[in-house]
């Protein structure tokens, strides 16, 4: 049986230094996505979105593993795109106004038919309110700057500013604030949480 770890194969995009901001050119990847709005710490909508993403992603993994392809692969980490109609909502910590797209990258060999089958299986076994909101979409970021933040989300400010300063010195920011969550926050010490902070530029 073939075994694939895309985090290792795509190390350039799913590992980052905590010391220096680096430039990356991110190609198109397929993502299972859900859009929403509200405080990620208290919003039921956010929790439901994350549950649906992981449940379907793991179901798809086992379909592929047991199917003709017989590929065993690691489910990719949760990622989030963040923005607000008024970006001062982030400075003011107005989390109720935050908008987000939560997503998990899917390997190229996990085709839409596999995900449709996974969604159907999950729908028969569990009552997940966010399930109908899932979509598969190709997403391309292109040129970006990124760095690794180590610590709780509440302390990301200086790390985000380093990325912005790096870009502002020679280009313009574009796109949405992007975070890649490398740690299982249910188990890991918040002081050791690892999050890649990424911002597109032009």
Foldseek 3Di string as FASTA:
>chain_A
DAEDEVCVVVVVPNPFAQPDKDKDFFFKFKKWKFKDAFACVDDPVNVLRVVLQVQLQVLLQVCCCPDPNNYHYDWFFKKKFKAFPDRCCVVVVVRRRIIMMIITTDDPVSDPVSSVVSLVVCVVPDDRPCSVRIDMDIDGQTIKIKHKDFAAPVPCVVVLVNRVVVDVVPWAWDDTWMKTWPDDVVPDDRRGTIIMTMTGTD
